PDB file of N, CA and C in Angstrom:
ATOM      1  N   MET A   1      12.797  20.192 -16.471  1.00  0.00           N
ATOM      2  CA  MET A   1      12.688  18.781 -16.140  1.00  0.00           C
ATOM      3  C   MET A   1      13.922  18.312 -15.363  1.00  0.00           C
ATOM      4  N   LEU A   2      15.099  18.774 -15.792  1.00  0.00           N
ATOM      5  CA  LEU A   2      16.327  18.388 -15.115  1.00  0.00           C
ATOM      6  C   LEU A   2      16.360  18.946 -13.697  1.00  0.00           C
ATOM      7  N   ASN A   3      15.847  20.159 -13.501  1.00  0.00           N
ATOM      8  CA  ASN A   3      15.787  20.757 -12.174  1.00  0.00           C
ATOM      9  C   ASN A   3      14.905  19.946 -11.235  1.00  0.00           C
ATOM     10  N   ARG A   4      13.765  19.492 -11.722  1.00  0.00           N
ATOM     11  CA  ARG A   4      12.861  18.687 -10.903  1.00  0.00           C
ATOM     12  C   ARG A   4      13.530  17.392 -10.463  1.00  0.00           C
ATOM     13  N   THR A   5      14.246  16.764 -11.371  1.00  0.00           N
ATOM     14  CA  THR A   5      14.939  15.512 -11.052  1.00  0.00           C
ATOM     15  C   THR A   5      16.005  15.754 -10.003  1.00  0.00           C
ATOM     16  N   ALA A   6      16.761  16.834 -10.132  1.00  0.00           N
ATOM     17  CA  ALA A   6      17.813  17.159  -9.169  1.00  0.00           C
ATOM     18  C   ALA A   6      17.216  17.447  -7.793  1.00  0.00           C
ATOM     19  N   VAL A   7      16.124  18.187  -7.749  1.00  0.00           N
ATOM     20  CA  VAL A   7      15.474  18.502  -6.479  1.00  0.00           C
ATOM     21  C   VAL A   7      14.914  17.236  -5.846  1.00  0.00           C
ATOM     22  N   LEU A   8      14.325  16.378  -6.637  1.00  0.00           N
ATOM     23  CA  LEU A   8      13.784  15.117  -6.129  1.00  0.00           C
ATOM     24  C   LEU A   8      14.896  14.231  -5.567  1.00  0.00           C
ATOM     25  N   ALA A   9      16.007  14.161  -6.286  1.00  0.00           N
ATOM     26  CA  ALA A   9      17.144  13.352  -5.815  1.00  0.00           C
ATOM     27  C   ALA A   9      17.696  13.905  -4.505  1.00  0.00           C
ATOM     28  N   GLN A  10      17.797  15.217  -4.393  1.00  0.00           N
ATOM     29  CA  GLN A  10      18.280  15.832  -3.158  1.00  0.00           C
ATOM     30  C   GLN A  10      17.315  15.565  -2.009  1.00  0.00           C
ATOM     31  N   SER A  11      16.028  15.608  -2.288  1.00  0.00           N
ATOM     32  CA  SER A  11      15.027  15.343  -1.255  1.00  0.00           C
ATOM     33  C   SER A  11      15.162  13.925  -0.715  1.00  0.00           C
ATOM     34  N   PHE A  12      15.358  12.963  -1.606  1.00  0.00           N
ATOM     35  CA  PHE A  12      15.545  11.577  -1.172  1.00  0.00           C
ATOM     36  C   PHE A  12      16.822  11.418  -0.356  1.00  0.00           C
ATOM     37  N   LEU A  13      17.872  12.092  -0.751  1.00  0.00           N
ATOM     38  CA  LEU A  13      19.141  12.022  -0.025  1.00  0.00           C
ATOM     39  C   LEU A  13      18.982  12.582   1.381  1.00  0.00           C
ATOM     40  N   VAL A  14      18.310  13.706   1.522  1.00  0.00           N
ATOM     41  CA  VAL A  14      18.088  14.307   2.834  1.00  0.00           C
ATOM     42  C   VAL A  14      17.207  13.408   3.689  1.00  0.00           C
ATOM     43  N   ALA A  15      16.151  12.864   3.118  1.00  0.00           N
ATOM     44  CA  ALA A  15      15.263  11.974   3.867  1.00  0.00           C
ATOM     45  C   ALA A  15      16.000  10.717   4.337  1.00  0.00           C
ATOM     46  N   ALA A  16      16.843  10.173   3.493  1.00  0.00           N
ATOM     47  CA  ALA A  16      17.606   8.977   3.858  1.00  0.00           C
ATOM     48  C   ALA A  16      18.594   9.271   4.979  1.00  0.00           C
ATOM     49  N   SER A  17      19.195  10.445   4.967  1.00  0.00           N
ATOM     50  CA  SER A  17      20.169  10.772   6.014  1.00  0.00           C
ATOM     51  C   SER A  17      19.493  10.927   7.371  1.00  0.00           C
ATOM     52  N   PHE A  18      18.225  11.358   7.387  1.00  0.00           N
ATOM     53  CA  PHE A  18      17.501  11.443   8.644  1.00  0.00           C
ATOM     54  C   PHE A  18      16.994  10.085   9.096  1.00  0.00           C
ATOM     55  N   ALA A  19      16.765   9.174   8.203  1.00  0.00           N
ATOM     56  CA  ALA A  19      16.224   7.863   8.544  1.00  0.00           C
ATOM     57  C   ALA A  19      17.269   6.964   9.200  1.00  0.00           C
ATOM     58  N   VAL A  20      18.523   7.080   8.832  1.00  0.00           N
ATOM     59  CA  VAL A  20      19.571   6.199   9.362  1.00  0.00           C
ATOM     60  C   VAL A  20      19.722   6.318  10.867  1.00  0.00           C
ATOM     61  N   PRO A  21      19.811   7.520  11.465  1.00  0.00           N
ATOM     62  CA  PRO A  21      19.927   7.587  12.918  1.00  0.00           C
ATOM     63  C   PRO A  21      18.726   7.017  13.661  1.00  0.00           C
ATOM     64  N   SER A  22      17.542   7.103  13.103  1.00  0.00           N
ATOM     65  CA  SER A  22      16.373   6.571  13.788  1.00  0.00           C
ATOM     66  C   SER A  22      16.444   5.044  13.868  1.00  0.00           C
ATOM     67  N   PHE A  23      16.983   4.383  12.850  1.00  0.00           N
ATOM     68  CA  PHE A  23      17.144   2.935  12.921  1.00  0.00           C
ATOM     69  C   PHE A  23      18.137   2.565  14.012  1.00  0.00           C
ATOM     70  N   ALA A  24      19.217   3.316  14.144  1.00  0.00           N
ATOM     71  CA  ALA A  24      20.214   3.044  15.174  1.00  0.00           C
ATOM     72  C   ALA A  24      19.618   3.225  16.567  1.00  0.00           C
ATOM     73  N   ALA A  25      18.796   4.242  16.751  1.00  0.00           N
ATOM     74  CA  ALA A  25      18.169   4.471  18.049  1.00  0.00           C
ATOM     75  C   ALA A  25      17.208   3.336  18.382  1.00  0.00           C
ATOM     76  N   ASP A  26      16.433   2.867  17.406  1.00  0.00           N
ATOM     77  CA  ASP A  26      15.517   1.758  17.631  1.00  0.00           C
ATOM     78  C   ASP A  26      16.287   0.488  17.975  1.00  0.00           C
ATOM     79  N   ASP A  27      17.436   0.283  17.335  1.00  0.00           N
ATOM     80  CA  ASP A  27      18.253  -0.887  17.592  1.00  0.00           C
ATOM     81  C   ASP A  27      18.767  -0.872  19.031  1.00  0.00           C
ATOM     82  N   ALA A  28      19.234   0.282  19.504  1.00  0.00           N
ATOM     83  CA  ALA A  28      19.734   0.392  20.872  1.00  0.00           C
ATOM     84  C   ALA A  28      18.602   0.150  21.873  1.00  0.00           C
ATOM     85  N   ALA A  29      17.433   0.674  21.595  1.00  0.00           N
ATOM     86  CA  ALA A  29      16.287   0.466  22.480  1.00  0.00           C
ATOM     87  C   ALA A  29      15.869  -1.001  22.494  1.00  0.00           C
ATOM     88  N   LEU A  30      15.906  -1.653  21.333  1.00  0.00           N
ATOM     89  CA  LEU A  30      15.549  -3.067  21.251  1.00  0.00           C
ATOM     90  C   LEU A  30      16.536  -3.920  22.048  1.00  0.00           C
ATOM     91  N   LYS A  31      17.822  -3.616  21.942  1.00  0.00           N
ATOM     92  CA  LYS A  31      18.839  -4.346  22.714  1.00  0.00           C
ATOM     93  C   LYS A  31      18.601  -4.189  24.210  1.00  0.00           C
ATOM     94  N   LYS A  32      18.283  -2.984  24.624  1.00  0.00           N
ATOM     95  CA  LYS A  32      18.022  -2.725  26.042  1.00  0.00           C
ATOM     96  C   LYS A  32      16.779  -3.483  26.500  1.00  0.00           C
ATOM     97  N   ASP A  33      15.736  -3.486  25.688  1.00  0.00           N
ATOM     98  CA  ASP A  33      14.504  -4.212  26.026  1.00  0.00           C
ATOM     99  C   ASP A  33      14.761  -5.713  26.138  1.00  0.00           C
ATOM    100  N   MET A  34      15.510  -6.259  25.191  1.00  0.00           N
ATOM    101  CA  MET A  34      15.804  -7.695  25.218  1.00  0.00           C
ATOM    102  C   MET A  34      16.666  -8.060  26.428  1.00  0.00           C
ATOM    103  N   THR A  35      17.603  -7.180  26.806  1.00  0.00           N
ATOM    104  CA  THR A  35      18.415  -7.401  28.010  1.00  0.00           C
ATOM    105  C   THR A  35      17.510  -7.496  29.227  1.00  0.00           C
ATOM    106  N   SER A  36      16.531  -6.611  29.320  1.00  0.00           N
ATOM    107  CA  SER A  36      15.595  -6.610  30.454  1.00  0.00           C
ATOM    108  C   SER A  36      14.730  -7.863  30.474  1.00  0.00           C
ATOM    109  N   VAL A  37      14.236  -8.266  29.314  1.00  0.00           N
ATOM    110  CA  VAL A  37      13.388  -9.461  29.236  1.00  0.00           C
ATOM    111  C   VAL A  37      14.161 -10.695  29.685  1.00  0.00           C
ATOM    112  N   ILE A  38      15.382 -10.846  29.225  1.00  0.00           N
ATOM    113  CA  ILE A  38      16.203 -12.005  29.594  1.00  0.00           C
ATOM    114  C   ILE A  38      16.510 -11.982  31.088  1.00  0.00           C
ATOM    115  N   ALA A  39      16.852 -10.808  31.627  1.00  0.00           N
ATOM    116  CA  ALA A  39      17.155 -10.695  33.052  1.00  0.00           C
ATOM    117  C   ALA A  39      15.924 -11.018  33.908  1.00  0.00           C
ATOM    118  N   LEU A  40      14.744 -10.585  33.477  1.00  0.00           N
ATOM    119  CA  LEU A  40      13.518 -10.872  34.227  1.00  0.00           C
ATOM    120  C   LEU A  40      13.198 -12.360  34.269  1.00  0.00           C
ATOM    121  N   GLN A  41      13.697 -13.101  33.295  1.00  0.00           N
ATOM    122  CA  GLN A  41      13.511 -14.551  33.284  1.00  0.00           C
ATOM    123  C   GLN A  41      14.553 -15.254  34.159  1.00  0.00           C
ATOM    124  N   GLY A  42      15.499 -14.478  34.718  1.00  0.00           N
ATOM    125  CA  GLY A  42      16.520 -15.033  35.606  1.00  0.00           C
ATOM    126  C   GLY A  42      17.648 -15.743  34.882  1.00  0.00           C
ATOM    127  N   LEU A  43      17.836 -15.434  33.612  1.00  0.00           N
ATOM    128  CA  LEU A  43      18.873 -16.083  32.820  1.00  0.00           C
ATOM    129  C   LEU A  43      20.113 -15.197  32.722  1.00  0.00           C
ATOM    130  N   PRO A  44      21.302 -15.809  32.653  1.00  0.00           N
ATOM    131  CA  PRO A  44      22.524 -15.018  32.567  1.00  0.00           C
ATOM    132  C   PRO A  44      22.693 -14.382  31.191  1.00  0.00           C
ATOM    133  N   CYS A  45      23.072 -13.127  31.180  1.00  0.00           N
ATOM    134  CA  CYS A  45      23.299 -12.436  29.916  1.00  0.00           C
ATOM    135  C   CYS A  45      24.240 -11.259  30.119  1.00  0.00           C
ATOM    136  N   GLY A  46      23.910 -10.380  31.023  1.00  0.00           N
ATOM    137  CA  GLY A  46      24.700  -9.168  31.220  1.00  0.00           C
ATOM    138  C   GLY A  46      24.176  -8.054  30.331  1.00  0.00           C
ATOM    139  N   GLN A  47      24.434  -8.177  29.027  1.00  0.00           N
ATOM    140  CA  GLN A  47      23.990  -7.163  28.074  1.00  0.00           C
ATOM    141  C   GLN A  47      23.835  -7.798  26.701  1.00  0.00           C
ATOM    142  N   VAL A  48      22.745  -7.484  26.025  1.00  0.00           N
ATOM    143  CA  VAL A  48      22.526  -7.963  24.662  1.00  0.00           C
ATOM    144  C   VAL A  48      23.332  -7.076  23.721  1.00  0.00           C
ATOM    145  N   VAL A  49      24.155  -7.712  22.873  1.00  0.00           N
ATOM    146  CA  VAL A  49      24.999  -6.948  21.940  1.00  0.00           C
ATOM    147  C   VAL A  49      24.506  -7.048  20.503  1.00  0.00           C
ATOM    148  N   ALA A  50      23.644  -8.026  20.207  1.00  0.00           N
ATOM    149  CA  ALA A  50      23.115  -8.172  18.850  1.00  0.00           C
ATOM    150  C   ALA A  50      21.718  -8.769  18.910  1.00  0.00           C
ATOM    151  N   VAL A  51      20.840  -8.227  18.071  1.00  0.00           N
ATOM    152  CA  VAL A  51      19.469  -8.729  17.982  1.00  0.00           C
ATOM    153  C   VAL A  51      19.130  -8.913  16.514  1.00  0.00           C
ATOM    154  N   LYS A  52      18.622 -10.108  16.187  1.00  0.00           N
ATOM    155  CA  LYS A  52      18.145 -10.373  14.837  1.00  0.00           C
ATOM    156  C   LYS A  52      16.641 -10.596  14.924  1.00  0.00           C
ATOM    157  N   VAL A  53      15.891  -9.873  14.118  1.00  0.00           N
ATOM    158  CA  VAL A  53      14.434 -10.015  14.109  1.00  0.00           C
ATOM    159  C   VAL A  53      14.091 -11.182  13.191  1.00  0.00           C
ATOM    160  N   ASN A  54      13.520 -12.243  13.788  1.00  0.00           N
ATOM    161  CA  ASN A  54      13.126 -13.428  13.020  1.00  0.00           C
ATOM    162  C   ASN A  54      11.725 -13.283  12.447  1.00  0.00           C
ATOM    163  N   GLY A  55      10.893 -12.535  13.134  1.00  0.00           N
ATOM    164  CA  GLY A  55       9.513 -12.349  12.715  1.00  0.00           C
ATOM    165  C   GLY A  55       8.818 -11.440  13.691  1.00  0.00           C
ATOM    166  N   ASP A  56       7.503 -11.407  13.613  1.00  0.00           N
ATOM    167  CA  ASP A  56       6.723 -10.583  14.512  1.00  0.00           C
ATOM    168  C   ASP A  56       6.820 -11.151  15.928  1.00  0.00           C
ATOM    169  N   ASN A  57       7.339 -10.349  16.860  1.00  0.00           N
ATOM    170  CA  ASN A  57       7.543 -10.774  18.255  1.00  0.00           C
ATOM    171  C   ASN A  57       8.415 -12.023  18.362  1.00  0.00           C
ATOM    172  N   ASP A  58       9.445 -12.117  17.545  1.00  0.00           N
ATOM    173  CA  ASP A  58      10.366 -13.256  17.548  1.00  0.00           C
ATOM    174  C   ASP A  58      11.773 -12.734  17.279  1.00  0.00           C
ATOM    175  N   TYR A  59      12.668 -12.875  18.269  1.00  0.00           N
ATOM    176  CA  TYR A  59      14.008 -12.294  18.188  1.00  0.00           C
ATOM    177  C   TYR A  59      15.073 -13.311  18.573  1.00  0.00           C
ATOM    178  N   ALA A  60      16.221 -13.235  17.907  1.00  0.00           N
ATOM    179  CA  ALA A  60      17.397 -14.015  18.273  1.00  0.00           C
ATOM    180  C   ALA A  60      18.394 -13.034  18.871  1.00  0.00           C
ATOM    181  N   CYS A  61      18.774 -13.256  20.130  1.00  0.00           N
ATOM    182  CA  CYS A  61      19.633 -12.322  20.852  1.00  0.00           C
ATOM    183  C   CYS A  61      20.972 -12.976  21.182  1.00  0.00           C
ATOM    184  N   THR A  62      22.031 -12.194  21.057  1.00  0.00           N
ATOM    185  CA  THR A  62      23.363 -12.621  21.458  1.00  0.00           C
ATOM    186  C   THR A  62      23.826 -11.712  22.581  1.00  0.00           C
ATOM    187  N   CYS A  63      24.282 -12.323  23.678  1.00  0.00           N
ATOM    188  CA  CYS A  63      24.706 -11.560  24.851  1.00  0.00           C
ATOM    189  C   CYS A  63      26.215 -11.333  24.842  1.00  0.00           C
ATOM    190  N   LYS A  64      26.619 -10.361  25.642  1.00  0.00           N
ATOM    191  CA  LYS A  64      28.037 -10.015  25.758  1.00  0.00           C
ATOM    192  C   LYS A  64      28.851 -11.198  26.281  1.00  0.00           C
ATOM    193  N   ASP A  65      28.240 -12.022  27.146  1.00  0.00           N
ATOM    194  CA  ASP A  65      28.949 -13.167  27.715  1.00  0.00           C
ATOM    195  C   ASP A  65      28.939 -14.396  26.808  1.00  0.00           C
ATOM    196  N   GLY A  66      28.360 -14.280  25.603  1.00  0.00           N
ATOM    197  CA  GLY A  66      28.367 -15.370  24.638  1.00  0.00           C
ATOM    198  C   GLY A  66      27.096 -16.194  24.601  1.00  0.00           C
ATOM    199  N   ASN A  67      26.222 -16.040  25.588  1.00  0.00           N
ATOM    200  CA  ASN A  67      24.957 -16.769  25.582  1.00  0.00           C
ATOM    201  C   ASN A  67      24.069 -16.257  24.458  1.00  0.00           C
ATOM    202  N   ARG A  68      23.288 -17.173  23.892  1.00  0.00           N
ATOM    203  CA  ARG A  68      22.346 -16.811  22.826  1.00  0.00           C
ATOM    204  C   ARG A  68      20.958 -17.277  23.235  1.00  0.00           C
ATOM    205  N   TYR A  69      19.969 -16.431  22.979  1.00  0.00           N
ATOM    206  CA  TYR A  69      18.596 -16.732  23.364  1.00  0.00           C
ATOM    207  C   TYR A  69      17.637 -16.411  22.222  1.00  0.00           C
ATOM    208  N   ARG A  70      16.540 -17.141  22.209  1.00  0.00           N
ATOM    209  CA  ARG A  70      15.413 -16.806  21.331  1.00  0.00           C
ATOM    210  C   ARG A  70      14.313 -16.262  22.226  1.00  0.00           C
ATOM    211  N   VAL A  71      13.880 -15.053  21.961  1.00  0.00           N
ATOM    212  CA  VAL A  71      12.817 -14.408  22.724  1.00  0.00           C
ATOM    213  C   VAL A  71      11.617 -14.296  21.789  1.00  0.00           C
ATOM    214  N   HIS A  72      10.507 -14.904  22.196  1.00  0.00           N
ATOM    215  CA  HIS A  72       9.306 -14.874  21.356  1.00  0.00           C
ATOM    216  C   HIS A  72       8.060 -14.948  22.223  1.00  0.00           C
ATOM    217  N   MET A  73       6.928 -14.783  21.577  1.00  0.00           N
ATOM    218  CA  MET A  73       5.647 -14.862  22.271  1.00  0.00           C
ATOM    219  C   MET A  73       4.964 -16.163  21.871  1.00  0.00           C
ATOM    220  N   ASN A  74       4.497 -16.911  22.870  1.00  0.00           N
ATOM    221  CA  ASN A  74       3.827 -18.176  22.554  1.00  0.00           C
ATOM    222  C   ASN A  74       2.359 -17.935  22.203  1.00  0.00           C
ATOM    223  N   ALA A  75       1.636 -19.011  21.910  1.00  0.00           N
ATOM    224  CA  ALA A  75       0.241 -18.906  21.481  1.00  0.00           C
ATOM    225  C   ALA A  75      -0.658 -18.305  22.562  1.00  0.00           C
ATOM    226  N   ALA A  76      -0.258 -18.466  23.825  1.00  0.00           N
ATOM    227  CA  ALA A  76      -1.053 -17.929  24.933  1.00  0.00           C
ATOM    228  C   ALA A  76      -0.757 -16.448  25.185  1.00  0.00           C
ATOM    229  N   GLY A  77       0.186 -15.888  24.444  1.00  0.00           N
ATOM    230  CA  GLY A  77       0.529 -14.480  24.600  1.00  0.00           C
ATOM    231  C   GLY A  77       1.575 -14.204  25.658  1.00  0.00           C
ATOM    232  N   ARG A  78       2.268 -15.224  26.099  1.00  0.00           N
ATOM    233  CA  ARG A  78       3.323 -15.066  27.107  1.00  0.00           C
ATOM    234  C   ARG A  78       4.683 -14.998  26.433  1.00  0.00           C
ATOM    235  N   VAL A  79       5.572 -14.209  27.030  1.00  0.00           N
ATOM    236  CA  VAL A  79       6.930 -14.092  26.512  1.00  0.00           C
ATOM    237  C   VAL A  79       7.722 -15.311  26.952  1.00  0.00           C
ATOM    238  N   VAL A  80       8.402 -15.941  26.006  1.00  0.00           N
ATOM    239  CA  VAL A  80       9.202 -17.126  26.266  1.00  0.00           C
ATOM    240  C   VAL A  80      10.644 -16.821  25.859  1.00  0.00           C
ATOM    241  N   VAL A  81      11.579 -17.194  26.738  1.00  0.00           N
ATOM    242  CA  VAL A  81      13.008 -17.033  26.433  1.00  0.00           C
ATOM    243  C   VAL A  81      13.613 -18.433  26.442  1.00  0.00           C
ATOM    244  N   GLU A  82      14.162 -18.844  25.299  1.00  0.00           N
ATOM    245  CA  GLU A  82      14.769 -20.168  25.166  1.00  0.00           C
ATOM    246  C   GLU A  82      16.262 -20.015  24.894  1.00  0.00           C
ATOM    247  N   LYS A  83      17.072 -20.755  25.643  1.00  0.00           N
ATOM    248  CA  LYS A  83      18.522 -20.744  25.428  1.00  0.00           C
ATOM    249  C   LYS A  83      18.828 -21.504  24.152  1.00  0.00           C
ATOM    250  N   GLN A  84      19.674 -20.921  23.301  1.00  0.00           N
ATOM    251  CA  GLN A  84      20.074 -21.542  22.044  1.00  0.00           C
ATOM    252  C   GLN A  84      21.485 -22.121  22.185  1.00  0.00           C
ATOM    253  N   LYS A  85      21.783 -23.101  21.382  1.00  0.00           N
ATOM    254  CA  LYS A  85      23.120 -23.715  21.414  1.00  0.00           C
ATOM    255  C   LYS A  85      24.094 -22.954  20.566  1.00  0.00           C
TER     256      LYS A  85
END
């Protein structure tokens, strides 16, 4: 019984160590995507350095130059970028 518990604990530890890098990769891709969306709207940003997920298709982005934007999808299915104070 003790062996099974030890093996199970090791399995969870190994699985968790593989999961952490995938979250970091998704975060970098999300930042790059948000940078592109903001630039396509013609708004100043440069590079998104932080993204907070507010909900489904709703993000709060902070740019390297200090600008903050909310990127979300409206009821018509269009992407909207709003400058935040």
